[in-house]
Amino acid sequence: QVQLVESGGGLVQAGGSLRLSCAASGSIFSISAMGWYRQAPGKQRELVGIIISGGSTNYADSVKGRFTISRDNAKNTVYLQMNSLKPEDTAVYYCNAVVTTRLLREYTIWGQGTQVTVSS
């Protein structure tokens, strides 16, 4: 069994910064991709950013230049550094990982979500 545990959400003023962390644990053989999604009230869940095992990244246009995703492969952890936060960044942020277990089965795993609230 594999699980993702997120941390780092909270309340911040517009223009401020937050750093989210997400650690994967369990019977992990490899992780091909890790990423962050978010869901604001009344809206669909959307991709924020993703990083693959080789280090390539992709971001939503709305966060390019403000958010940076990084990964520590040794710790099976992904980070999301969020700078210049805006009220429209307010959402529940979910970690996501594509994991191959030690039984060589591939799963897409989701974290429980962490609230990010940006006040104006």
N, C-alpha and C. Protein backbone atom coordinates (compact mmCIF):
# COMPACT_ATOMS: atom_id res chain seq x y z
N GLN A 1 0.84 -1.19 0.00
CA GLN A 1 0.00 0.00 0.00
C GLN A 1 0.88 1.24 0.00
N VAL A 2 0.47 2.23 -0.79
CA VAL A 2 1.23 3.47 -0.89
C VAL A 2 0.31 4.62 -0.48
N GLN A 3 0.88 5.57 0.23
CA GLN A 3 0.10 6.76 0.58
C GLN A 3 0.92 8.02 0.39
N LEU A 4 0.22 9.13 0.20
CA LEU A 4 0.84 10.44 0.06
C LEU A 4 0.38 11.30 1.24
N VAL A 5 1.31 11.96 1.87
CA VAL A 5 1.00 12.85 2.99
C VAL A 5 1.48 14.25 2.65
N GLU A 6 0.54 15.19 2.65
CA GLU A 6 0.85 16.57 2.28
C GLU A 6 0.98 17.43 3.53
N SER A 7 1.72 18.51 3.39
CA SER A 7 1.84 19.48 4.47
C SER A 7 2.19 20.83 3.88
N GLY A 8 1.98 21.88 4.68
CA GLY A 8 2.45 23.20 4.28
C GLY A 8 1.38 24.19 3.88
N GLY A 9 0.13 23.80 3.84
CA GLY A 9 -0.91 24.75 3.49
C GLY A 9 -1.15 25.74 4.61
N GLY A 10 -2.00 26.73 4.33
CA GLY A 10 -2.32 27.71 5.34
C GLY A 10 -2.88 28.98 4.76
N LEU A 11 -2.89 30.01 5.59
CA LEU A 11 -3.41 31.33 5.22
C LEU A 11 -2.25 32.28 5.00
N VAL A 12 -2.30 33.01 3.90
CA VAL A 12 -1.23 33.96 3.59
C VAL A 12 -1.84 35.16 2.89
N GLN A 13 -1.21 36.31 3.04
CA GLN A 13 -1.67 37.51 2.35
C GLN A 13 -1.23 37.49 0.90
N ALA A 14 -1.97 38.20 0.07
CA ALA A 14 -1.60 38.33 -1.34
C ALA A 14 -0.18 38.86 -1.45
N GLY A 15 0.58 38.26 -2.37
CA GLY A 15 1.98 38.62 -2.53
C GLY A 15 2.93 37.77 -1.72
N GLY A 16 2.38 36.99 -0.81
CA GLY A 16 3.20 36.15 0.05
C GLY A 16 3.57 34.83 -0.60
N SER A 17 4.21 33.98 0.21
CA SER A 17 4.72 32.70 -0.28
C SER A 17 4.32 31.57 0.65
N LEU A 18 4.20 30.40 0.09
CA LEU A 18 3.99 29.17 0.84
C LEU A 18 4.75 28.06 0.13
N ARG A 19 5.13 27.04 0.91
CA ARG A 19 5.78 25.88 0.34
C ARG A 19 5.01 24.63 0.77
N LEU A 20 4.54 23.88 -0.20
CA LEU A 20 3.85 22.63 0.08
C LEU A 20 4.81 21.46 -0.10
N SER A 21 4.62 20.44 0.72
CA SER A 21 5.40 19.22 0.62
C SER A 21 4.47 18.02 0.52
N CYS A 22 4.93 17.00 -0.16
CA CYS A 22 4.15 15.77 -0.28
C CYS A 22 5.12 14.59 -0.29
N ALA A 23 4.98 13.74 0.70
CA ALA A 23 5.87 12.59 0.82
C ALA A 23 5.11 11.29 0.55
N ALA A 24 5.69 10.47 -0.29
CA ALA A 24 5.12 9.16 -0.59
C ALA A 24 5.79 8.11 0.27
N SER A 25 4.99 7.18 0.77
CA SER A 25 5.54 6.10 1.60
C SER A 25 4.81 4.81 1.30
N GLY A 26 5.47 3.70 1.63
CA GLY A 26 4.85 2.40 1.41
C GLY A 26 5.72 1.53 0.53
N SER A 27 5.08 0.58 -0.13
CA SER A 27 5.78 -0.40 -0.95
C SER A 27 6.05 0.17 -2.34
N ILE A 28 7.07 1.03 -2.42
CA ILE A 28 7.35 1.76 -3.65
C ILE A 28 8.56 1.16 -4.35
N PHE A 29 8.39 0.86 -5.63
CA PHE A 29 9.52 0.47 -6.47
C PHE A 29 10.07 1.69 -7.21
N SER A 30 9.15 2.47 -7.77
CA SER A 30 9.56 3.69 -8.46
C SER A 30 8.36 4.63 -8.58
N ILE A 31 8.68 5.90 -8.81
CA ILE A 31 7.65 6.92 -9.04
C ILE A 31 7.99 7.62 -10.34
N SER A 32 7.14 7.51 -11.33
CA SER A 32 7.45 8.09 -12.63
C SER A 32 7.10 9.56 -12.70
N ALA A 33 6.09 9.99 -11.98
CA ALA A 33 5.69 11.39 -12.02
C ALA A 33 5.03 11.77 -10.71
N MET A 34 5.25 13.01 -10.32
CA MET A 34 4.57 13.57 -9.15
C MET A 34 4.10 14.97 -9.52
N GLY A 35 2.97 15.35 -8.99
CA GLY A 35 2.45 16.65 -9.36
C GLY A 35 1.49 17.21 -8.34
N TRP A 36 1.04 18.40 -8.63
CA TRP A 36 0.09 19.11 -7.78
C TRP A 36 -1.10 19.55 -8.62
N TYR A 37 -2.27 19.36 -8.06
CA TYR A 37 -3.52 19.83 -8.63
C TYR A 37 -4.20 20.70 -7.58
N ARG A 38 -5.18 21.47 -8.01
CA ARG A 38 -5.94 22.26 -7.05
C ARG A 38 -7.40 22.32 -7.46
N GLN A 39 -8.24 22.53 -6.46
CA GLN A 39 -9.67 22.64 -6.71
C GLN A 39 -10.23 23.76 -5.84
N ALA A 40 -10.72 24.78 -6.51
CA ALA A 40 -11.37 25.90 -5.83
C ALA A 40 -12.86 25.59 -5.68
N PRO A 41 -13.53 26.23 -4.73
CA PRO A 41 -14.96 25.99 -4.53
C PRO A 41 -15.75 26.22 -5.82
N GLY A 42 -16.57 25.26 -6.19
CA GLY A 42 -17.42 25.39 -7.36
C GLY A 42 -16.70 25.18 -8.68
N LYS A 43 -15.43 24.81 -8.63
CA LYS A 43 -14.67 24.62 -9.86
C LYS A 43 -14.13 23.20 -9.95
N GLN A 44 -13.74 22.82 -11.16
CA GLN A 44 -13.15 21.50 -11.36
C GLN A 44 -11.70 21.49 -10.90
N ARG A 45 -11.23 20.30 -10.55
CA ARG A 45 -9.83 20.15 -10.20
C ARG A 45 -8.98 20.41 -11.44
N GLU A 46 -7.88 21.15 -11.25
CA GLU A 46 -7.02 21.51 -12.37
C GLU A 46 -5.56 21.24 -12.03
N LEU A 47 -4.79 20.98 -13.08
CA LEU A 47 -3.36 20.75 -12.90
C LEU A 47 -2.67 22.06 -12.56
N VAL A 48 -1.79 22.01 -11.57
CA VAL A 48 -0.93 23.15 -11.22
C VAL A 48 0.44 22.94 -11.84
N GLY A 49 1.04 21.81 -11.56
CA GLY A 49 2.35 21.51 -12.10
C GLY A 49 2.68 20.05 -11.91
N ILE A 50 3.59 19.56 -12.74
CA ILE A 50 3.97 18.16 -12.68
C ILE A 50 5.47 18.05 -12.95
N ILE A 51 6.10 17.06 -12.33
CA ILE A 51 7.51 16.80 -12.55
C ILE A 51 7.69 15.31 -12.74
N ILE A 52 8.43 14.94 -13.80
CA ILE A 52 8.64 13.52 -14.06
C ILE A 52 9.98 13.10 -13.48
N SER A 53 10.26 11.81 -13.52
CA SER A 53 11.45 11.28 -12.84
C SER A 53 12.73 11.87 -13.37
N GLY A 54 12.76 12.26 -14.63
CA GLY A 54 13.97 12.84 -15.20
C GLY A 54 14.16 14.30 -14.84
N GLY A 55 13.16 14.91 -14.23
CA GLY A 55 13.27 16.29 -13.79
C GLY A 55 12.53 17.30 -14.64
N SER A 56 11.98 16.89 -15.76
CA SER A 56 11.23 17.83 -16.59
C SER A 56 9.95 18.25 -15.88
N THR A 57 9.59 19.51 -16.09
CA THR A 57 8.42 20.06 -15.42
C THR A 57 7.44 20.67 -16.43
N ASN A 58 6.21 20.77 -15.99
CA ASN A 58 5.19 21.42 -16.80
C ASN A 58 4.25 22.14 -15.84
N TYR A 59 3.84 23.35 -16.21
CA TYR A 59 3.01 24.17 -15.32
C TYR A 59 1.77 24.68 -16.05
N ALA A 60 0.74 24.93 -15.25
CA ALA A 60 -0.40 25.65 -15.79
C ALA A 60 0.02 27.08 -16.10
N ASP A 61 -0.56 27.65 -17.15
CA ASP A 61 -0.19 29.01 -17.53
C ASP A 61 -0.41 30.00 -16.39
N SER A 62 -1.42 29.76 -15.58
CA SER A 62 -1.78 30.69 -14.52
C SER A 62 -0.74 30.78 -13.41
N VAL A 63 0.17 29.81 -13.33
CA VAL A 63 1.16 29.82 -12.25
C VAL A 63 2.59 29.93 -12.75
N LYS A 64 2.78 29.92 -14.06
CA LYS A 64 4.13 30.01 -14.61
C LYS A 64 4.83 31.27 -14.14
N GLY A 65 6.08 31.11 -13.72
CA GLY A 65 6.84 32.25 -13.24
C GLY A 65 6.63 32.55 -11.77
N ARG A 66 5.61 31.95 -11.16
CA ARG A 66 5.34 32.18 -9.73
C ARG A 66 5.53 30.92 -8.89
N PHE A 67 5.19 29.79 -9.45
CA PHE A 67 5.27 28.51 -8.73
C PHE A 67 6.43 27.68 -9.29
N THR A 68 7.08 26.94 -8.40
CA THR A 68 8.16 26.05 -8.81
C THR A 68 7.95 24.70 -8.15
N ILE A 69 7.95 23.65 -8.96
CA ILE A 69 7.83 22.30 -8.45
C ILE A 69 9.21 21.64 -8.47
N SER A 70 9.51 20.91 -7.42
CA SER A 70 10.79 20.22 -7.34
C SER A 70 10.58 18.87 -6.66
N ARG A 71 11.60 18.04 -6.73
CA ARG A 71 11.42 16.67 -6.27
C ARG A 71 12.71 16.16 -5.66
N ASP A 72 12.58 15.44 -4.55
CA ASP A 72 13.70 14.75 -3.94
C ASP A 72 13.44 13.27 -4.12
N ASN A 73 14.08 12.66 -5.11
CA ASN A 73 13.81 11.27 -5.43
C ASN A 73 14.21 10.33 -4.29
N ALA A 74 15.26 10.67 -3.57
CA ALA A 74 15.71 9.82 -2.47
C ALA A 74 14.68 9.75 -1.34
N LYS A 75 13.91 10.85 -1.20
CA LYS A 75 12.91 10.91 -0.14
C LYS A 75 11.49 10.68 -0.67
N ASN A 76 11.37 10.42 -1.97
CA ASN A 76 10.04 10.26 -2.59
C ASN A 76 9.13 11.42 -2.23
N THR A 77 9.68 12.61 -2.31
CA THR A 77 8.96 13.81 -1.89
C THR A 77 8.94 14.84 -3.02
N VAL A 78 7.80 15.50 -3.17
CA VAL A 78 7.67 16.57 -4.13
C VAL A 78 7.29 17.84 -3.38
N TYR A 79 7.80 18.96 -3.87
CA TYR A 79 7.56 20.25 -3.24
C TYR A 79 6.91 21.20 -4.25
N LEU A 80 6.14 22.14 -3.73
CA LEU A 80 5.59 23.20 -4.55
C LEU A 80 5.87 24.52 -3.85
N GLN A 81 6.79 25.28 -4.40
CA GLN A 81 7.10 26.61 -3.88
C GLN A 81 6.19 27.61 -4.59
N MET A 82 5.39 28.30 -3.82
CA MET A 82 4.41 29.23 -4.39
C MET A 82 4.77 30.64 -3.94
N ASN A 83 5.12 31.48 -4.90
CA ASN A 83 5.47 32.87 -4.64
C ASN A 83 4.45 33.80 -5.29
N SER A 84 4.46 35.04 -4.85
CA SER A 84 3.56 36.05 -5.42
C SER A 84 2.13 35.54 -5.47
N LEU A 85 1.68 34.99 -4.38
CA LEU A 85 0.36 34.38 -4.34
C LEU A 85 -0.74 35.42 -4.53
N LYS A 86 -1.81 34.97 -5.20
CA LYS A 86 -2.95 35.82 -5.50
C LYS A 86 -4.21 35.20 -4.86
N PRO A 87 -5.21 36.01 -4.60
CA PRO A 87 -6.46 35.46 -4.04
C PRO A 87 -7.04 34.33 -4.89
N GLU A 88 -6.84 34.41 -6.20
CA GLU A 88 -7.38 33.37 -7.07
C GLU A 88 -6.61 32.06 -6.97
N ASP A 89 -5.52 32.04 -6.23
CA ASP A 89 -4.80 30.79 -5.96
C ASP A 89 -5.44 30.01 -4.81
N THR A 90 -6.42 30.61 -4.15
CA THR A 90 -7.10 29.94 -3.05
C THR A 90 -7.79 28.68 -3.54
N ALA A 91 -7.46 27.56 -2.89
CA ALA A 91 -8.00 26.26 -3.31
C ALA A 91 -7.50 25.20 -2.34
N VAL A 92 -8.06 24.00 -2.49
CA VAL A 92 -7.47 22.83 -1.87
C VAL A 92 -6.46 22.26 -2.86
N TYR A 93 -5.25 22.08 -2.40
CA TYR A 93 -4.17 21.57 -3.25
C TYR A 93 -3.96 20.08 -2.96
N TYR A 94 -3.94 19.30 -4.05
CA TYR A 94 -3.81 17.85 -3.94
C TYR A 94 -2.51 17.40 -4.59
N CYS A 95 -1.80 16.54 -3.91
CA CYS A 95 -0.63 15.90 -4.46
C CYS A 95 -1.05 14.65 -5.24
N ASN A 96 -0.31 14.33 -6.26
CA ASN A 96 -0.62 13.20 -7.13
C ASN A 96 0.69 12.51 -7.51
N ALA A 97 0.67 11.19 -7.57
CA ALA A 97 1.87 10.45 -7.97
C ALA A 97 1.48 9.21 -8.76
N VAL A 98 2.29 8.90 -9.75
CA VAL A 98 2.16 7.65 -10.51
C VAL A 98 3.23 6.72 -9.98
N VAL A 99 2.79 5.70 -9.26
CA VAL A 99 3.69 4.85 -8.48
C VAL A 99 3.68 3.43 -9.01
N THR A 100 4.86 2.85 -9.12
CA THR A 100 4.99 1.41 -9.37
C THR A 100 5.39 0.76 -8.05
N THR A 101 4.59 -0.20 -7.62
CA THR A 101 4.88 -0.85 -6.34
C THR A 101 5.94 -1.94 -6.52
N ARG A 102 6.36 -2.49 -5.41
CA ARG A 102 7.36 -3.57 -5.45
C ARG A 102 6.81 -4.84 -6.08
N LEU A 103 5.49 -4.92 -6.22
CA LEU A 103 4.87 -6.02 -6.96
C LEU A 103 4.74 -5.67 -8.44
N LEU A 104 5.35 -4.54 -8.81
CA LEU A 104 5.39 -4.05 -10.20
C LEU A 104 4.00 -3.75 -10.74
N ARG A 105 3.17 -3.20 -9.88
CA ARG A 105 1.85 -2.73 -10.30
C ARG A 105 1.85 -1.21 -10.24
N GLU A 106 1.24 -0.59 -11.23
CA GLU A 106 1.24 0.87 -11.31
C GLU A 106 -0.11 1.42 -10.84
N TYR A 107 0.00 2.45 -10.00
CA TYR A 107 -1.20 3.10 -9.48
C TYR A 107 -1.03 4.61 -9.57
N THR A 108 -2.15 5.30 -9.69
CA THR A 108 -2.17 6.75 -9.53
C THR A 108 -2.75 7.03 -8.15
N ILE A 109 -1.94 7.69 -7.33
CA ILE A 109 -2.28 7.92 -5.93
C ILE A 109 -2.55 9.40 -5.70
N TRP A 110 -3.51 9.70 -4.84
CA TRP A 110 -3.83 11.08 -4.48
C TRP A 110 -3.62 11.29 -2.99
N GLY A 111 -3.15 12.48 -2.65
CA GLY A 111 -3.08 12.87 -1.25
C GLY A 111 -4.44 13.35 -0.76
N GLN A 112 -4.49 13.68 0.52
CA GLN A 112 -5.77 14.04 1.14
C GLN A 112 -6.15 15.50 0.88
N GLY A 113 -5.21 16.29 0.42
CA GLY A 113 -5.47 17.70 0.14
C GLY A 113 -5.08 18.60 1.29
N THR A 114 -4.61 19.79 0.94
CA THR A 114 -4.26 20.79 1.94
C THR A 114 -4.79 22.14 1.48
N GLN A 115 -5.40 22.87 2.41
CA GLN A 115 -6.04 24.13 2.06
C GLN A 115 -5.02 25.26 1.98
N VAL A 116 -5.10 26.00 0.90
CA VAL A 116 -4.32 27.23 0.73
C VAL A 116 -5.31 28.38 0.56
N THR A 117 -5.21 29.37 1.44
CA THR A 117 -6.10 30.52 1.38
C THR A 117 -5.26 31.79 1.28
N VAL A 118 -5.53 32.57 0.24
CA VAL A 118 -4.79 33.81 0.02
C VAL A 118 -5.75 34.98 0.21
N SER A 119 -5.46 35.81 1.19
CA SER A 119 -6.33 36.95 1.48
C SER A 119 -5.87 38.19 0.71
N SER A 120 -6.83 39.02 0.35
CA SER A 120 -6.50 40.22 -0.43
C SER A 120 -6.20 41.41 0.47
